[in-house]
N, C-alpha and C. Protein backbone atom coordinates (compact mmCIF):
# COMPACT_ATOMS: atom_id res chain seq x y z
N MET A 1 220.11 133.05 -102.93
CA MET A 1 220.82 133.01 -104.20
C MET A 1 220.68 134.36 -104.89
N LYS A 2 221.77 134.90 -105.36
CA LYS A 2 221.76 136.20 -106.01
C LYS A 2 221.18 136.09 -107.41
N LYS A 3 220.31 137.02 -107.73
CA LYS A 3 219.67 137.03 -109.03
C LYS A 3 220.61 137.53 -110.11
N ILE A 4 220.65 136.84 -111.22
CA ILE A 4 221.46 137.27 -112.35
C ILE A 4 220.65 138.19 -113.25
N TYR A 5 219.38 137.83 -113.44
CA TYR A 5 218.51 138.59 -114.33
C TYR A 5 217.47 139.33 -113.49
N ILE A 6 217.61 140.63 -113.40
CA ILE A 6 216.71 141.46 -112.59
C ILE A 6 215.63 142.04 -113.51
N VAL A 7 214.38 141.87 -113.10
CA VAL A 7 213.25 142.39 -113.87
C VAL A 7 212.96 143.81 -113.41
N ARG A 8 213.04 144.75 -114.32
CA ARG A 8 212.67 146.15 -114.05
C ARG A 8 211.76 146.59 -115.19
N LEU A 9 210.47 146.62 -114.93
CA LEU A 9 209.50 147.00 -115.94
C LEU A 9 209.36 148.51 -116.00
N SER A 10 209.24 149.03 -117.21
CA SER A 10 208.94 150.45 -117.37
C SER A 10 207.46 150.66 -117.05
N ASP A 11 207.06 151.90 -116.92
CA ASP A 11 205.65 152.19 -116.64
C ASP A 11 204.75 151.65 -117.75
N GLU A 12 205.19 151.79 -118.98
CA GLU A 12 204.39 151.31 -120.13
C GLU A 12 204.27 149.79 -120.11
N GLU A 13 205.37 149.09 -119.82
CA GLU A 13 205.34 147.63 -119.76
C GLU A 13 204.46 147.16 -118.60
N ARG A 14 204.56 147.85 -117.48
CA ARG A 14 203.73 147.50 -116.32
C ARG A 14 202.24 147.67 -116.65
N GLU A 15 201.91 148.76 -117.34
CA GLU A 15 200.51 149.00 -117.74
C GLU A 15 200.02 147.92 -118.71
N THR A 16 200.89 147.52 -119.63
CA THR A 16 200.53 146.45 -120.57
C THR A 16 200.23 145.16 -119.82
N CYS A 17 201.09 144.81 -118.87
CA CYS A 17 200.87 143.59 -118.08
C CYS A 17 199.59 143.68 -117.26
N LEU A 18 199.36 144.82 -116.65
CA LEU A 18 198.13 145.00 -115.86
C LEU A 18 196.89 144.89 -116.73
N ALA A 19 196.95 145.45 -117.94
CA ALA A 19 195.80 145.35 -118.86
C ALA A 19 195.53 143.91 -119.25
N VAL A 20 196.59 143.15 -119.50
CA VAL A 20 196.43 141.74 -119.86
C VAL A 20 195.80 140.98 -118.71
N VAL A 21 196.25 141.23 -117.49
CA VAL A 21 195.75 140.51 -116.32
C VAL A 21 194.31 140.90 -115.99
N LYS A 22 194.01 142.20 -116.02
CA LYS A 22 192.67 142.65 -115.64
C LYS A 22 191.61 142.21 -116.62
N LYS A 23 191.93 142.27 -117.91
CA LYS A 23 190.93 141.93 -118.93
C LYS A 23 191.02 140.46 -119.35
N LEU A 24 192.01 139.73 -118.80
CA LEU A 24 192.28 138.35 -119.22
C LEU A 24 192.38 138.30 -120.75
N LYS A 25 193.13 139.24 -121.26
CA LYS A 25 193.26 139.42 -122.70
C LYS A 25 194.40 138.54 -123.21
N GLY A 26 194.09 137.61 -124.10
CA GLY A 26 195.10 136.73 -124.66
C GLY A 26 194.96 135.32 -124.11
N THR A 27 195.96 134.51 -124.39
CA THR A 27 195.94 133.12 -123.95
C THR A 27 196.22 133.03 -122.45
N SER A 28 195.95 131.88 -121.89
CA SER A 28 196.22 131.69 -120.47
C SER A 28 197.72 131.79 -120.18
N THR A 29 198.54 131.35 -121.13
CA THR A 29 199.99 131.45 -120.96
C THR A 29 200.43 132.91 -120.92
N LYS A 30 199.83 133.72 -121.77
CA LYS A 30 200.17 135.15 -121.80
C LYS A 30 199.77 135.82 -120.49
N VAL A 31 198.61 135.48 -119.96
CA VAL A 31 198.14 136.05 -118.70
C VAL A 31 199.07 135.62 -117.56
N ARG A 32 199.48 134.35 -117.56
CA ARG A 32 200.39 133.87 -116.52
C ARG A 32 201.74 134.58 -116.62
N ARG A 33 202.25 134.76 -117.84
CA ARG A 33 203.52 135.47 -118.00
C ARG A 33 203.41 136.90 -117.49
N ALA A 34 202.30 137.55 -117.79
CA ALA A 34 202.11 138.93 -117.32
C ALA A 34 202.09 138.96 -115.79
N ASN A 35 201.40 138.04 -115.17
CA ASN A 35 201.36 137.96 -113.71
C ASN A 35 202.75 137.74 -113.13
N ILE A 36 203.50 136.83 -113.75
CA ILE A 36 204.85 136.53 -113.26
C ILE A 36 205.73 137.77 -113.37
N LEU A 37 205.65 138.46 -114.50
CA LEU A 37 206.48 139.66 -114.68
C LEU A 37 206.12 140.74 -113.65
N LEU A 38 204.84 140.89 -113.37
CA LEU A 38 204.42 141.89 -112.38
C LEU A 38 204.95 141.55 -110.99
N LYS A 39 204.91 140.30 -110.63
CA LYS A 39 205.37 139.91 -109.29
C LYS A 39 206.90 139.89 -109.20
N ALA A 40 207.59 139.68 -110.32
CA ALA A 40 209.05 139.63 -110.32
C ALA A 40 209.68 141.01 -110.44
N ASP A 41 208.88 142.02 -110.73
CA ASP A 41 209.39 143.38 -110.95
C ASP A 41 210.09 143.90 -109.69
N ALA A 42 211.36 144.27 -109.84
CA ALA A 42 212.15 144.75 -108.70
C ALA A 42 211.62 146.07 -108.16
N ASP A 43 210.98 146.87 -109.01
CA ASP A 43 210.42 148.16 -108.58
C ASP A 43 208.96 148.02 -108.12
N GLY A 44 208.45 146.81 -108.17
CA GLY A 44 207.06 146.56 -107.79
C GLY A 44 207.00 145.59 -106.63
N ALA A 45 206.31 144.46 -106.85
CA ALA A 45 206.10 143.48 -105.79
C ALA A 45 207.40 142.82 -105.32
N ASN A 46 208.30 142.52 -106.26
CA ASN A 46 209.62 141.93 -105.98
C ASN A 46 209.52 140.64 -105.16
N TRP A 47 208.67 139.73 -105.60
CA TRP A 47 208.53 138.44 -104.92
C TRP A 47 209.72 137.56 -105.26
N LYS A 48 209.96 136.56 -104.44
CA LYS A 48 210.98 135.56 -104.72
C LYS A 48 210.43 134.59 -105.76
N ASP A 49 211.33 133.95 -106.49
CA ASP A 49 210.92 133.06 -107.58
C ASP A 49 210.03 131.91 -107.08
N GLN A 50 210.37 131.34 -105.94
CA GLN A 50 209.57 130.23 -105.43
C GLN A 50 208.17 130.69 -105.03
N GLN A 51 208.03 131.89 -104.49
CA GLN A 51 206.70 132.43 -104.16
C GLN A 51 205.87 132.60 -105.43
N ILE A 52 206.50 133.11 -106.47
CA ILE A 52 205.80 133.32 -107.75
C ILE A 52 205.37 131.97 -108.31
N ALA A 53 206.27 131.01 -108.29
CA ALA A 53 205.96 129.67 -108.82
C ALA A 53 204.80 129.04 -108.07
N ASP A 54 204.79 129.16 -106.76
CA ASP A 54 203.70 128.60 -105.96
C ASP A 54 202.38 129.31 -106.24
N ALA A 55 202.43 130.62 -106.43
CA ALA A 55 201.21 131.39 -106.65
C ALA A 55 200.57 131.10 -108.01
N PHE A 56 201.39 130.85 -109.01
CA PHE A 56 200.86 130.69 -110.37
C PHE A 56 201.00 129.28 -110.92
N PHE A 57 201.23 128.31 -110.03
CA PHE A 57 201.24 126.89 -110.39
C PHE A 57 202.19 126.58 -111.53
N CYS A 58 203.42 127.04 -111.38
CA CYS A 58 204.46 126.69 -112.35
C CYS A 58 205.72 126.36 -111.56
N THR A 59 206.78 126.07 -112.25
CA THR A 59 208.02 125.73 -111.57
C THR A 59 208.88 126.98 -111.39
N ARG A 60 209.84 126.89 -110.47
CA ARG A 60 210.77 127.99 -110.26
C ARG A 60 211.59 128.22 -111.53
N GLN A 61 211.91 127.14 -112.22
CA GLN A 61 212.69 127.25 -113.46
C GLN A 61 211.92 128.04 -114.52
N CYS A 62 210.61 127.88 -114.55
CA CYS A 62 209.76 128.64 -115.49
C CYS A 62 209.90 130.14 -115.21
N VAL A 63 209.89 130.51 -113.95
CA VAL A 63 210.03 131.92 -113.57
C VAL A 63 211.42 132.42 -113.94
N GLU A 64 212.44 131.63 -113.67
CA GLU A 64 213.81 132.03 -114.01
C GLU A 64 213.98 132.19 -115.52
N ASN A 65 213.40 131.27 -116.28
CA ASN A 65 213.48 131.37 -117.74
C ASN A 65 212.80 132.63 -118.25
N LEU A 66 211.68 132.99 -117.67
CA LEU A 66 210.97 134.20 -118.09
C LEU A 66 211.78 135.45 -117.74
N ARG A 67 212.41 135.46 -116.58
CA ARG A 67 213.30 136.57 -116.21
C ARG A 67 214.41 136.72 -117.26
N LYS A 68 215.05 135.60 -117.57
CA LYS A 68 216.16 135.60 -118.52
C LYS A 68 215.69 136.08 -119.89
N ARG A 69 214.54 135.59 -120.34
CA ARG A 69 214.02 135.98 -121.65
C ARG A 69 213.73 137.48 -121.69
N LEU A 70 213.19 138.03 -120.61
CA LEU A 70 212.91 139.46 -120.57
C LEU A 70 214.19 140.27 -120.71
N VAL A 71 215.21 139.89 -119.97
CA VAL A 71 216.45 140.65 -119.97
C VAL A 71 217.21 140.49 -121.29
N THR A 72 217.26 139.28 -121.81
CA THR A 72 218.08 139.03 -123.00
C THR A 72 217.36 139.30 -124.32
N GLU A 73 216.05 139.07 -124.37
CA GLU A 73 215.35 139.16 -125.65
C GLU A 73 214.30 140.27 -125.72
N GLY A 74 213.95 140.85 -124.60
CA GLY A 74 213.03 141.97 -124.61
C GLY A 74 211.63 141.63 -124.09
N PHE A 75 210.88 142.69 -123.84
CA PHE A 75 209.56 142.55 -123.23
C PHE A 75 208.56 141.82 -124.13
N ASP A 76 208.51 142.17 -125.41
CA ASP A 76 207.53 141.55 -126.30
C ASP A 76 207.72 140.04 -126.40
N VAL A 77 208.95 139.60 -126.53
CA VAL A 77 209.22 138.16 -126.61
C VAL A 77 208.88 137.48 -125.29
N ALA A 78 209.18 138.15 -124.18
CA ALA A 78 208.88 137.57 -122.87
C ALA A 78 207.38 137.41 -122.66
N LEU A 79 206.60 138.39 -123.08
CA LEU A 79 205.15 138.34 -122.87
C LEU A 79 204.44 137.47 -123.89
N HIS A 80 204.79 137.61 -125.15
CA HIS A 80 204.07 136.91 -126.22
C HIS A 80 204.68 135.58 -126.63
N GLY A 81 205.93 135.35 -126.28
CA GLY A 81 206.61 134.12 -126.69
C GLY A 81 207.27 134.30 -128.04
N LYS A 82 208.05 133.31 -128.43
CA LYS A 82 208.76 133.36 -129.71
C LYS A 82 207.90 132.83 -130.83
N LYS A 83 208.17 133.30 -132.02
CA LYS A 83 207.54 132.74 -133.21
C LYS A 83 208.27 131.45 -133.55
N ARG A 84 207.57 130.55 -134.24
CA ARG A 84 208.20 129.29 -134.65
C ARG A 84 209.32 129.55 -135.64
N GLN A 85 210.43 128.86 -135.46
CA GLN A 85 211.56 128.98 -136.38
C GLN A 85 211.32 128.17 -137.65
N THR A 86 210.71 127.00 -137.50
CA THR A 86 210.47 126.12 -138.65
C THR A 86 208.97 125.94 -138.85
N ALA A 87 208.61 125.61 -140.05
CA ALA A 87 207.20 125.36 -140.37
C ALA A 87 206.77 124.02 -139.77
N PRO A 88 205.48 123.87 -139.48
CA PRO A 88 205.01 122.57 -138.98
C PRO A 88 205.26 121.47 -140.02
N ARG A 89 205.43 120.26 -139.53
CA ARG A 89 205.68 119.14 -140.45
C ARG A 89 204.49 118.93 -141.37
N GLN A 90 204.80 118.58 -142.59
CA GLN A 90 203.76 118.29 -143.57
C GLN A 90 203.29 116.85 -143.39
N LYS A 91 202.18 116.53 -144.02
CA LYS A 91 201.67 115.16 -143.97
C LYS A 91 202.71 114.21 -144.53
N THR A 92 202.78 113.03 -143.95
CA THR A 92 203.74 112.05 -144.42
C THR A 92 203.10 111.01 -145.31
N LEU A 93 201.78 110.98 -145.37
CA LEU A 93 201.08 110.01 -146.21
C LEU A 93 200.53 110.68 -147.46
N THR A 94 200.53 109.95 -148.54
CA THR A 94 199.87 110.43 -149.75
C THR A 94 198.38 110.17 -149.61
N GLY A 95 197.60 110.69 -150.53
CA GLY A 95 196.16 110.47 -150.48
C GLY A 95 195.79 109.00 -150.59
N GLU A 96 196.51 108.29 -151.44
CA GLU A 96 196.25 106.86 -151.62
C GLU A 96 196.57 106.07 -150.35
N GLN A 97 197.70 106.40 -149.73
CA GLN A 97 198.07 105.72 -148.49
C GLN A 97 197.08 106.02 -147.37
N GLU A 98 196.62 107.24 -147.31
CA GLU A 98 195.64 107.61 -146.31
C GLU A 98 194.34 106.84 -146.49
N ALA A 99 193.92 106.68 -147.74
CA ALA A 99 192.71 105.90 -148.04
C ALA A 99 192.88 104.44 -147.62
N GLN A 100 194.08 103.89 -147.83
CA GLN A 100 194.34 102.50 -147.43
C GLN A 100 194.28 102.36 -145.90
N VAL A 101 194.81 103.32 -145.19
CA VAL A 101 194.78 103.28 -143.72
C VAL A 101 193.35 103.34 -143.22
N ILE A 102 192.54 104.22 -143.82
CA ILE A 102 191.13 104.33 -143.42
C ILE A 102 190.39 103.03 -143.71
N ALA A 103 190.66 102.43 -144.87
CA ALA A 103 190.01 101.16 -145.23
C ALA A 103 190.40 100.07 -144.23
N LEU A 104 191.66 100.03 -143.84
CA LEU A 104 192.10 99.04 -142.85
C LEU A 104 191.39 99.27 -141.52
N ARG A 105 191.28 100.50 -141.10
CA ARG A 105 190.63 100.82 -139.82
C ARG A 105 189.17 100.43 -139.82
N LEU A 106 188.51 100.59 -140.95
CA LEU A 106 187.08 100.27 -141.03
C LEU A 106 186.82 98.79 -141.27
N SER A 107 187.86 98.04 -141.59
CA SER A 107 187.69 96.60 -141.82
C SER A 107 187.51 95.88 -140.49
N ASP A 108 187.13 94.62 -140.57
CA ASP A 108 186.97 93.81 -139.37
C ASP A 108 188.34 93.56 -138.75
N PRO A 109 188.40 93.52 -137.43
CA PRO A 109 189.69 93.25 -136.77
C PRO A 109 190.12 91.81 -137.01
N PRO A 110 191.37 91.50 -136.74
CA PRO A 110 191.86 90.13 -136.93
C PRO A 110 191.09 89.13 -136.08
N LYS A 111 191.23 87.88 -136.44
CA LYS A 111 190.54 86.79 -135.75
C LYS A 111 190.90 86.81 -134.26
N ASP A 112 189.92 86.52 -133.42
CA ASP A 112 190.06 86.48 -131.97
C ASP A 112 190.30 87.86 -131.34
N ARG A 113 189.92 88.91 -132.03
CA ARG A 113 190.03 90.27 -131.49
C ARG A 113 188.67 90.95 -131.55
N ASN A 114 188.35 91.74 -130.52
CA ASN A 114 187.09 92.47 -130.50
C ASN A 114 187.16 93.75 -131.31
N GLY A 115 188.32 94.35 -131.38
CA GLY A 115 188.48 95.61 -132.11
C GLY A 115 189.95 95.88 -132.35
N TRP A 116 190.21 97.00 -132.99
CA TRP A 116 191.57 97.39 -133.30
C TRP A 116 192.19 98.12 -132.10
N THR A 117 193.36 97.70 -131.69
CA THR A 117 194.15 98.47 -130.74
C THR A 117 195.18 99.25 -131.55
N LEU A 118 195.76 100.26 -130.96
CA LEU A 118 196.75 101.06 -131.68
C LEU A 118 197.95 100.20 -132.08
N ARG A 119 198.39 99.36 -131.17
CA ARG A 119 199.55 98.49 -131.46
C ARG A 119 199.24 97.53 -132.59
N LEU A 120 198.07 96.92 -132.55
CA LEU A 120 197.67 95.98 -133.59
C LEU A 120 197.50 96.69 -134.93
N PHE A 121 196.93 97.87 -134.89
CA PHE A 121 196.71 98.63 -136.11
C PHE A 121 198.05 99.03 -136.74
N ARG A 122 198.98 99.51 -135.93
CA ARG A 122 200.29 99.91 -136.45
C ARG A 122 201.02 98.72 -137.06
N ARG A 123 200.94 97.57 -136.39
CA ARG A 123 201.61 96.36 -136.91
C ARG A 123 201.03 95.96 -138.25
N SER A 124 199.71 95.95 -138.36
CA SER A 124 199.06 95.57 -139.62
C SER A 124 199.33 96.59 -140.72
N ALA A 125 199.31 97.87 -140.36
CA ALA A 125 199.50 98.92 -141.35
C ALA A 125 200.92 98.91 -141.90
N THR A 126 201.91 98.68 -141.04
CA THR A 126 203.30 98.69 -141.53
C THR A 126 203.57 97.49 -142.43
N ARG A 127 202.92 96.38 -142.18
CA ARG A 127 203.11 95.22 -143.05
C ARG A 127 202.47 95.44 -144.42
N ARG A 128 201.31 96.05 -144.44
CA ARG A 128 200.56 96.19 -145.70
C ARG A 128 201.02 97.38 -146.54
N PHE A 129 201.40 98.47 -145.90
CA PHE A 129 201.62 99.70 -146.64
C PHE A 129 203.05 100.23 -146.49
N ARG A 130 204.00 99.40 -146.72
CA ARG A 130 205.39 99.86 -146.62
C ARG A 130 205.65 100.94 -147.66
N ARG A 131 206.34 101.99 -147.21
CA ARG A 131 206.65 103.09 -148.13
C ARG A 131 207.86 102.72 -148.97
N HIS A 132 207.81 103.09 -150.22
CA HIS A 132 208.92 102.78 -151.14
C HIS A 132 209.57 104.04 -151.57
């Protein structure tokens, strides 16, 4: 299959990837991305996508996506990943509701039960603490 996105690292980008791999600098995902980029480099190792996937315990699609990201969005985004577009979700319970949930969890379980299961807890909590 002909490659659409060809990885060609500059000397500076190659050195950055080598530094990340040698020093294991950064997260495991960053180290894996650096390894993948080094092996996919057309001017370097030039491995096939399936060989890279097998070597670094990921899927071929993961390698293809990283190739595409490098070509379309640049080296920094390919190596470090994207920043979040939206903020993480805020708490959905108020302080009072949270206290009620904790009180329910610490209470004795229903009759004929040894303890609280998640399903039982959710059923009891939704009946008692409906949001208005």
